[in-house]
Amino acid sequence: MVADIETQDASQSQGVEGELMDEQLGATLREWWRPLLIFLASRLAVLSMVGAAGVALRRPVSTILVGWDAKWYLMIASKGYVHHIPHLGTEARNQSDLGFFPLLPLIIRFVHLVTGLAWSTSGFLAVSFTGITASLALWCMLRDRFALDETARGIALILLSPCALAFSYVYSEGLILTGVALSLFLLGRKRWLLAGLAASLATAADPVGCAAFFPCAVAAYLAIRQDREWKALLAPAASLIGVTSFFGYLWIHAGSPLTWFDAQRAGWQGGFYGLGVPNAVWTVLAHGFHNVNPPVKVASFLIAIWLVVRFVKVAVPPTWRAYVYSVLAFGLLSPIIGITPRILLRDGPLLGTVGATLDRFRYTIVLSVSLVALCALTILASTPKWTP
């Protein structure tokens, strides 16, 4: 009798908790105009600067937005993956599209098939859409923990961060942040399978997106330890669908499940792992600011330290911490990349949390510095001087 009453009480408690969560979700959805407005304002600012740089350099905006990594994504979308790494000697000659993940090219191909538009236009539409979904997903994630104004500040710091120009380039940042933010949001609601599937979007979009596996694993561990909820294992299992499917495809297509690693080592990331940050520091000390890329990496590394110092003081779920630290670890382990503005952008929960918890005076200073850096990097990215 007592056991039945306890079971009934627990059931009622879960029902009330579920109703409160549904009401909160409904309120969050009604607030979506805020992140959309911030996103549109940030895109207007970036595209205006790209347009100004294009006029000054006599380059069409369309060619600027499909430079750097974008050309590889568009090549995969239009032609598919090549079968072999070139191995022609130098890293630049060894580069191939086998070093890039497939989800963004698949979406670009879908847009092209549906609309019949040019590949570059289809790419721009695809990343515009994923930028919107990332803004909305990040809003839901942050709104679960912070007040309305705090959430708005957090979103603004992400969308106006120094490398937020990536939301307008044909890059995968929008996809990564969409999957990660949705996954963290769903993990907080114990929607294990949906959380894992959302994380799989990130693991299919980019190698750093594979950090989405770790919060799923942490959530499963805690759920099993505390409540014996073995269903939580669905989250980490499903999160790996994206990356394992890609590696399986490469095994069939190119002859090895390790093709992506081989392509990266041959064309981009030769050398010892973990030297990205030390090499950037040494280059700045030895050669100063002759090359823009190392100073930007060093500055990003120092900013990351400051962000982490702020972040560790905030009460956030362990799943958020697992993702934030995993992304930084990916950057630190890289042979050449280190900590860059793009790494910090992909670490959206870190930027969003710090932005939401700064007092207004410090936030104004940080956002102003971020805007100046965004302007500078957007202009530099329109030239060969800086690689975004």
Protein backbone atom coordinates (compact mmCIF):
# COMPACT_ATOMS: atom_id res chain seq x y z
CA MET A 1 0.00 0.00 0.00
CA VAL A 2 2.76 2.43 0.97
CA ALA A 3 4.74 1.46 -2.13
CA ASP A 4 1.71 2.16 -4.33
CA ILE A 5 1.25 5.60 -2.77
CA GLU A 6 4.96 6.40 -3.26
CA THR A 7 4.77 5.28 -6.89
CA GLN A 8 1.68 7.40 -7.44
CA ASP A 9 3.34 10.44 -5.82
CA ALA A 10 6.44 9.99 -7.98
CA SER A 11 4.27 9.68 -11.06
CA GLN A 12 2.37 12.85 -10.20
CA SER A 13 5.63 14.68 -9.48
CA GLN A 14 7.03 13.67 -12.87
CA GLY A 15 3.80 14.77 -14.52
CA VAL A 16 3.94 18.21 -12.90
CA GLU A 17 7.61 18.54 -13.82
CA GLY A 18 6.81 17.59 -17.41
CA GLU A 19 4.02 20.18 -17.60
CA LEU A 20 6.33 22.90 -16.29
CA MET A 21 8.98 21.97 -18.83
CA ASP A 22 6.41 22.04 -21.64
CA GLU A 23 5.21 25.48 -20.53
CA GLN A 24 8.78 26.75 -20.42
CA LEU A 25 9.43 25.33 -23.89
CA GLY A 26 6.31 27.07 -25.21
CA ALA A 27 7.49 30.39 -23.77
CA THR A 28 10.93 29.85 -25.32
CA LEU A 29 9.41 29.25 -28.76
CA ARG A 30 7.42 32.47 -28.51
CA GLU A 31 10.69 34.34 -27.92
CA TRP A 32 12.32 33.07 -31.12
CA TRP A 33 12.02 36.44 -32.82
CA ARG A 34 14.86 37.66 -30.61
CA PRO A 35 17.61 35.30 -31.83
CA LEU A 36 16.32 35.67 -35.40
CA LEU A 37 16.64 39.44 -35.16
CA ILE A 38 20.15 39.19 -33.70
CA PHE A 39 21.15 36.72 -36.41
CA LEU A 40 19.83 38.92 -39.21
CA ALA A 41 21.57 41.98 -37.78
CA SER A 42 24.87 40.08 -37.51
CA ARG A 43 24.56 38.84 -41.11
CA LEU A 44 23.83 42.34 -42.37
CA ALA A 45 26.96 43.59 -40.61
CA VAL A 46 29.17 40.80 -41.98
CA LEU A 47 27.84 40.99 -45.54
CA SER A 48 28.25 44.77 -45.52
CA MET A 49 31.91 44.40 -44.59
CA VAL A 50 32.43 41.65 -47.16
CA GLY A 51 30.79 43.90 -49.75
CA ALA A 52 33.05 46.81 -48.82
CA ALA A 53 36.12 44.56 -49.00
CA GLY A 54 34.94 43.25 -52.36
CA VAL A 55 34.64 46.77 -53.76
CA ALA A 56 38.08 47.72 -52.43
CA LEU A 57 39.69 44.56 -53.80
CA ARG A 58 37.57 44.47 -56.96
CA ARG A 59 36.35 40.99 -56.13
CA PRO A 60 32.71 39.84 -56.33
CA VAL A 61 31.17 39.04 -52.95
CA SER A 62 30.15 35.61 -54.25
CA THR A 63 33.78 34.62 -54.84
CA ILE A 64 34.79 35.76 -51.35
CA LEU A 65 32.09 33.71 -49.64
CA VAL A 66 33.10 30.51 -51.43
CA GLY A 67 36.84 30.78 -50.76
CA TRP A 68 39.07 28.75 -48.44
CA ASP A 69 37.33 25.60 -47.11
CA ALA A 70 34.11 26.47 -48.92
CA LYS A 71 35.57 25.39 -52.25
CA TRP A 72 36.05 21.86 -50.91
CA TYR A 73 32.49 21.60 -49.61
CA LEU A 74 31.14 22.81 -52.97
CA MET A 75 33.40 20.40 -54.84
CA ILE A 76 32.07 17.46 -52.81
CA ALA A 77 28.48 18.62 -53.31
CA SER A 78 28.85 18.93 -57.08
CA LYS A 79 31.23 16.06 -57.91
CA GLY A 80 31.36 13.73 -54.93
CA TYR A 81 34.51 12.50 -53.20
CA VAL A 82 37.63 11.53 -55.12
CA HIS A 83 38.84 7.96 -54.62
CA HIS A 84 42.49 8.58 -53.77
CA ILE A 85 44.77 11.05 -51.99
CA PRO A 86 47.04 12.64 -54.65
CA HIS A 87 50.41 12.12 -52.84
CA LEU A 88 52.22 14.52 -55.18
CA GLY A 89 54.89 15.71 -52.76
CA THR A 90 54.09 18.95 -50.94
CA GLU A 91 51.14 19.36 -48.57
CA ALA A 92 49.45 21.87 -50.88
CA ARG A 93 49.58 19.39 -53.78
CA ASN A 94 48.42 16.51 -51.59
CA GLN A 95 45.20 18.21 -50.54
CA SER A 96 41.91 16.52 -51.49
CA ASP A 97 38.24 16.66 -50.59
CA LEU A 98 38.64 13.41 -48.61
CA GLY A 99 39.69 15.61 -45.69
CA PHE A 100 36.20 17.09 -45.23
CA PHE A 101 33.06 15.73 -43.58
CA PRO A 102 29.91 15.10 -45.67
CA LEU A 103 26.79 16.59 -44.08
CA LEU A 104 27.09 20.15 -45.41
CA PRO A 105 27.80 18.97 -48.98
CA LEU A 106 24.76 16.68 -48.77
CA ILE A 107 22.55 19.60 -47.74
CA ILE A 108 23.99 21.79 -50.51
CA ARG A 109 23.31 19.05 -53.06
CA PHE A 110 19.73 18.76 -51.80
CA VAL A 111 19.19 22.53 -52.10
CA HIS A 112 20.66 22.48 -55.61
CA LEU A 113 18.45 19.59 -56.73
CA VAL A 114 15.31 21.22 -55.31
CA THR A 115 15.94 24.78 -56.52
CA GLY A 116 18.11 24.28 -59.60
CA LEU A 117 20.27 27.21 -58.45
CA ALA A 118 24.01 27.45 -58.99
CA TRP A 119 26.18 25.50 -56.58
CA SER A 120 27.55 28.61 -54.86
CA THR A 121 24.05 30.06 -54.43
CA SER A 122 22.80 26.72 -53.09
CA GLY A 123 25.69 26.72 -50.64
CA PHE A 124 24.88 30.21 -49.43
CA LEU A 125 21.21 29.28 -48.94
CA ALA A 126 22.22 26.13 -47.05
CA VAL A 127 24.50 27.95 -44.61
CA SER A 128 21.97 30.75 -44.14
CA PHE A 129 19.42 28.13 -43.10
CA THR A 130 21.83 26.34 -40.76
CA GLY A 131 22.81 29.69 -39.25
CA ILE A 132 19.16 30.30 -38.41
CA THR A 133 18.72 26.82 -36.94
CA ALA A 134 21.89 27.28 -34.88
CA SER A 135 20.62 30.60 -33.51
CA LEU A 136 17.29 29.05 -32.50
CA ALA A 137 18.87 25.92 -31.00
CA LEU A 138 21.40 27.96 -29.03
CA TRP A 139 18.58 30.16 -27.77
CA CYS A 140 16.66 27.12 -26.47
CA MET A 141 19.81 25.74 -24.84
CA LEU A 142 20.75 28.99 -23.07
CA ARG A 143 17.15 29.91 -22.17
CA ASP A 144 16.91 26.68 -20.20
CA ARG A 145 19.51 28.06 -17.77
CA PHE A 146 19.36 31.86 -17.96
CA ALA A 147 16.91 34.75 -17.84
CA LEU A 148 15.63 36.43 -21.01
CA ASP A 149 18.10 39.34 -21.11
CA GLU A 150 21.00 37.08 -20.15
CA THR A 151 20.15 34.66 -22.95
CA ALA A 152 19.99 37.52 -25.46
CA ARG A 153 23.44 38.69 -24.38
CA GLY A 154 24.82 35.17 -24.72
CA ILE A 155 23.40 34.73 -28.23
CA ALA A 156 24.71 38.12 -29.32
CA LEU A 157 28.23 37.28 -28.16
CA ILE A 158 28.16 34.06 -30.21
CA LEU A 159 26.69 35.60 -33.36
CA LEU A 160 29.04 38.61 -33.17
CA SER A 161 32.14 36.70 -32.09
CA PRO A 162 35.37 37.31 -34.06
CA CYS A 163 34.80 34.40 -36.46
CA ALA A 164 31.02 34.72 -36.82
CA LEU A 165 31.72 35.51 -40.46
CA ALA A 166 31.66 31.70 -40.83
CA PHE A 167 27.85 31.80 -40.68
CA SER A 168 27.91 33.59 -44.05
CA TYR A 169 30.70 31.55 -45.66
CA VAL A 170 29.94 28.08 -47.02
CA TYR A 171 31.22 26.56 -43.77
CA SER A 172 29.86 23.95 -41.38
CA GLU A 173 29.70 26.01 -38.14
CA GLY A 174 25.93 26.45 -38.32
CA LEU A 175 25.41 22.70 -38.61
CA ILE A 176 27.77 21.91 -35.74
CA LEU A 177 26.15 24.37 -33.35
CA THR A 178 22.64 23.30 -34.37
CA GLY A 179 23.38 19.68 -33.52
CA VAL A 180 25.31 20.42 -30.34
CA ALA A 181 22.85 22.95 -28.90
CA LEU A 182 19.86 20.71 -29.66
CA SER A 183 21.65 17.75 -28.12
CA LEU A 184 22.51 19.62 -24.89
CA PHE A 185 18.94 20.93 -24.69
CA LEU A 186 17.45 17.44 -25.15
CA LEU A 187 19.91 15.82 -22.74
CA GLY A 188 18.60 18.19 -20.07
CA ARG A 189 15.14 16.75 -20.74
CA LYS A 190 16.36 13.13 -20.82
CA ARG A 191 15.24 12.64 -24.41
CA TRP A 192 18.08 10.23 -24.94
CA LEU A 193 17.53 9.05 -28.50
CA LEU A 194 16.65 12.49 -29.85
CA ALA A 195 19.67 13.98 -28.09
CA GLY A 196 21.95 11.39 -29.66
CA LEU A 197 20.49 11.92 -33.13
CA ALA A 198 20.94 15.68 -32.77
CA ALA A 199 24.58 15.12 -31.76
CA SER A 200 25.03 12.90 -34.81
CA LEU A 201 24.41 15.97 -36.99
CA ALA A 202 27.52 17.53 -35.49
CA THR A 203 29.59 14.35 -35.78
CA ALA A 204 28.67 14.13 -39.48
CA ALA A 205 29.51 17.78 -40.12
CA ASP A 206 33.04 18.29 -38.83
CA PRO A 207 35.80 16.53 -36.85
CA VAL A 208 35.46 19.02 -33.98
CA GLY A 209 31.73 18.28 -34.02
CA CYS A 210 32.65 14.82 -32.74
CA ALA A 211 33.02 16.50 -29.35
CA ALA A 212 29.21 16.18 -29.21
CA PHE A 213 29.72 12.54 -28.23
CA PHE A 214 31.23 13.41 -24.85
CA PRO A 215 28.26 15.21 -23.27
CA CYS A 216 26.07 12.29 -24.39
CA ALA A 217 28.47 9.88 -22.70
CA VAL A 218 28.58 11.97 -19.51
CA ALA A 219 24.79 12.22 -19.39
CA ALA A 220 24.46 8.45 -19.84
CA TYR A 221 27.00 7.75 -17.10
CA LEU A 222 25.20 10.03 -14.63
CA ALA A 223 21.75 8.68 -15.50
CA ILE A 224 22.89 5.09 -14.99
CA ARG A 225 24.80 5.84 -11.79
CA GLN A 226 22.00 7.86 -10.21
CA ASP A 227 18.81 6.27 -11.55
CA ARG A 228 19.85 3.02 -13.26
CA GLU A 229 18.40 4.49 -16.46
CA TRP A 230 20.07 2.27 -19.01
CA LYS A 231 18.08 3.84 -21.86
CA ALA A 232 20.46 6.78 -21.56
CA LEU A 233 23.04 4.74 -23.48
CA LEU A 234 20.98 5.50 -26.58
CA ALA A 235 22.41 9.04 -26.54
CA PRO A 236 26.13 8.25 -26.96
CA ALA A 237 25.35 5.33 -29.28
CA ALA A 238 23.20 7.45 -31.60
CA SER A 239 25.65 10.37 -31.49
CA LEU A 240 28.25 8.28 -33.33
CA ILE A 241 25.96 7.49 -36.27
CA GLY A 242 27.22 10.49 -38.23
CA VAL A 243 30.95 9.93 -37.97
CA THR A 244 30.84 6.12 -38.18
CA SER A 245 28.63 6.28 -41.27
CA PHE A 246 31.12 8.63 -42.92
CA PHE A 247 34.12 6.47 -42.05
CA GLY A 248 32.24 3.37 -43.23
CA TYR A 249 31.49 5.09 -46.53
CA LEU A 250 35.16 6.02 -46.94
CA TRP A 251 36.11 2.40 -46.29
CA ILE A 252 33.97 1.32 -49.22
CA HIS A 253 34.71 4.33 -51.43
CA ALA A 254 38.43 4.84 -50.86
CA GLY A 255 39.58 1.54 -49.40
CA SER A 256 40.21 2.46 -45.75
CA PRO A 257 38.12 3.62 -42.76
CA LEU A 258 41.09 5.86 -41.88
CA THR A 259 41.05 7.74 -45.19
CA TRP A 260 40.02 11.02 -43.56
CA PHE A 261 42.99 10.88 -41.15
CA ASP A 262 45.35 10.03 -44.02
CA ALA A 263 44.00 12.93 -46.11
CA GLN A 264 44.44 15.38 -43.25
CA ARG A 265 47.98 14.24 -42.51
CA ALA A 266 48.95 14.35 -46.19
CA GLY A 267 47.43 17.70 -47.07
CA TRP A 268 47.11 19.82 -43.94
CA GLN A 269 48.11 18.53 -40.55
CA GLY A 270 51.53 16.96 -40.81
CA GLY A 271 53.78 17.01 -37.77
CA PHE A 272 53.42 16.05 -34.13
CA TYR A 273 50.08 16.32 -32.37
CA GLY A 274 49.75 19.08 -29.81
CA LEU A 275 52.14 21.54 -31.47
CA GLY A 276 49.52 23.96 -32.83
CA VAL A 277 49.64 26.40 -29.92
CA PRO A 278 53.42 26.16 -29.20
CA ASN A 279 54.24 26.70 -32.90
CA ALA A 280 52.01 29.79 -33.04
CA VAL A 281 53.65 31.25 -29.92
CA TRP A 282 57.14 30.50 -31.20
CA THR A 283 56.39 32.03 -34.62
CA VAL A 284 55.16 35.26 -33.02
CA LEU A 285 58.20 35.47 -30.74
CA ALA A 286 60.64 34.72 -33.57
CA HIS A 287 59.04 36.63 -36.45
CA GLY A 288 56.60 39.07 -34.89
CA PHE A 289 53.49 39.98 -36.85
CA HIS A 290 54.83 39.37 -40.33
CA ASN A 291 52.20 36.63 -40.82
CA VAL A 292 48.71 37.37 -39.47
CA ASN A 293 47.68 33.78 -38.70
CA PRO A 294 50.02 33.01 -35.73
CA PRO A 295 49.17 36.23 -33.81
CA VAL A 296 45.45 35.54 -34.29
CA LYS A 297 45.94 32.02 -32.91
CA VAL A 298 47.91 33.29 -29.91
CA ALA A 299 45.26 35.93 -29.19
CA SER A 300 42.54 33.27 -29.47
CA PHE A 301 44.43 31.02 -27.04
CA LEU A 302 44.69 33.82 -24.48
CA ILE A 303 41.00 34.68 -24.93
CA ALA A 304 40.14 31.01 -24.45
CA ILE A 305 41.99 30.99 -21.12
CA TRP A 306 40.02 34.04 -19.96
CA LEU A 307 36.74 32.49 -21.12
CA VAL A 308 37.44 29.25 -19.28
CA VAL A 309 38.33 31.11 -16.08
CA ARG A 310 34.92 32.81 -16.29
CA PHE A 311 33.14 29.61 -17.33
CA VAL A 312 34.32 27.43 -14.44
CA LYS A 313 32.65 29.80 -11.96
CA VAL A 314 29.19 29.35 -13.51
CA ALA A 315 26.80 26.61 -12.43
CA VAL A 316 26.03 24.76 -15.67
CA PRO A 317 25.20 21.09 -16.35
CA PRO A 318 28.15 18.68 -16.56
CA THR A 319 27.14 17.96 -20.15
CA TRP A 320 27.94 21.56 -21.09
CA ARG A 321 31.33 21.30 -19.44
CA ALA A 322 32.05 18.04 -21.26
CA TYR A 323 31.43 19.67 -24.63
CA VAL A 324 33.25 22.93 -23.89
CA TYR A 325 36.43 21.22 -22.68
CA SER A 326 36.34 18.59 -25.43
CA VAL A 327 36.28 21.24 -28.17
CA LEU A 328 39.27 23.03 -26.61
CA ALA A 329 41.07 19.69 -26.32
CA PHE A 330 40.51 19.06 -30.05
CA GLY A 331 42.15 22.39 -30.82
CA LEU A 332 45.06 21.85 -28.44
CA LEU A 333 45.78 18.39 -29.85
CA SER A 334 46.00 19.57 -33.45
CA PRO A 335 49.47 19.60 -35.06
CA ILE A 336 48.90 23.00 -36.71
CA ILE A 337 45.49 24.49 -35.90
CA GLY A 338 45.67 25.16 -32.16
CA ILE A 339 43.05 27.50 -30.72
CA THR A 340 41.57 29.68 -33.46
CA PRO A 341 38.55 31.99 -33.72
CA ARG A 342 36.69 29.18 -35.50
CA ILE A 343 37.39 26.78 -32.63
CA LEU A 344 35.97 29.33 -30.20
CA LEU A 345 32.90 29.82 -32.40
CA ARG A 346 32.27 26.07 -32.45
CA ASP A 347 32.49 26.24 -28.66
CA GLY A 348 29.19 28.15 -28.61
CA PRO A 349 28.15 27.03 -25.10
CA LEU A 350 31.36 28.57 -23.76
CA LEU A 351 30.80 31.94 -25.45
CA GLY A 352 27.09 31.92 -24.67
CA THR A 353 27.55 31.12 -20.99
CA VAL A 354 30.18 33.81 -20.48
CA GLY A 355 28.10 36.35 -22.39
CA ALA A 356 25.02 35.54 -20.31
CA THR A 357 26.81 35.87 -16.97
CA LEU A 358 28.95 38.98 -17.45
CA ASP A 359 27.70 42.15 -15.79
CA ARG A 360 26.52 44.82 -18.22
CA PHE A 361 29.66 46.96 -18.01
CA ARG A 362 32.07 44.09 -18.73
CA TYR A 363 29.71 42.69 -21.33
CA THR A 364 29.67 45.99 -23.21
CA ILE A 365 33.47 46.04 -23.29
CA VAL A 366 33.73 42.39 -24.39
CA LEU A 367 31.07 42.75 -27.09
CA SER A 368 32.72 45.93 -28.40
CA VAL A 369 36.12 44.22 -28.65
CA SER A 370 34.45 41.24 -30.31
CA LEU A 371 32.81 43.48 -32.91
CA VAL A 372 36.11 45.18 -33.73
CA ALA A 373 37.77 41.77 -34.12
CA LEU A 374 34.87 40.55 -36.28
CA CYS A 375 35.27 43.57 -38.59
CA ALA A 376 39.03 43.08 -38.83
CA LEU A 377 38.89 39.34 -39.48
CA THR A 378 36.07 39.66 -42.01
CA ILE A 379 38.17 42.09 -44.03
CA LEU A 380 41.31 39.95 -43.65
CA ALA A 381 39.39 36.83 -44.71
CA SER A 382 38.56 38.60 -47.97
CA THR A 383 42.30 38.69 -48.75
CA PRO A 384 44.99 35.97 -48.81
CA LYS A 385 46.41 37.35 -45.54
CA TRP A 386 44.29 35.35 -43.08
CA THR A 387 42.83 31.87 -43.38
CA PRO A 388 39.47 31.61 -41.56
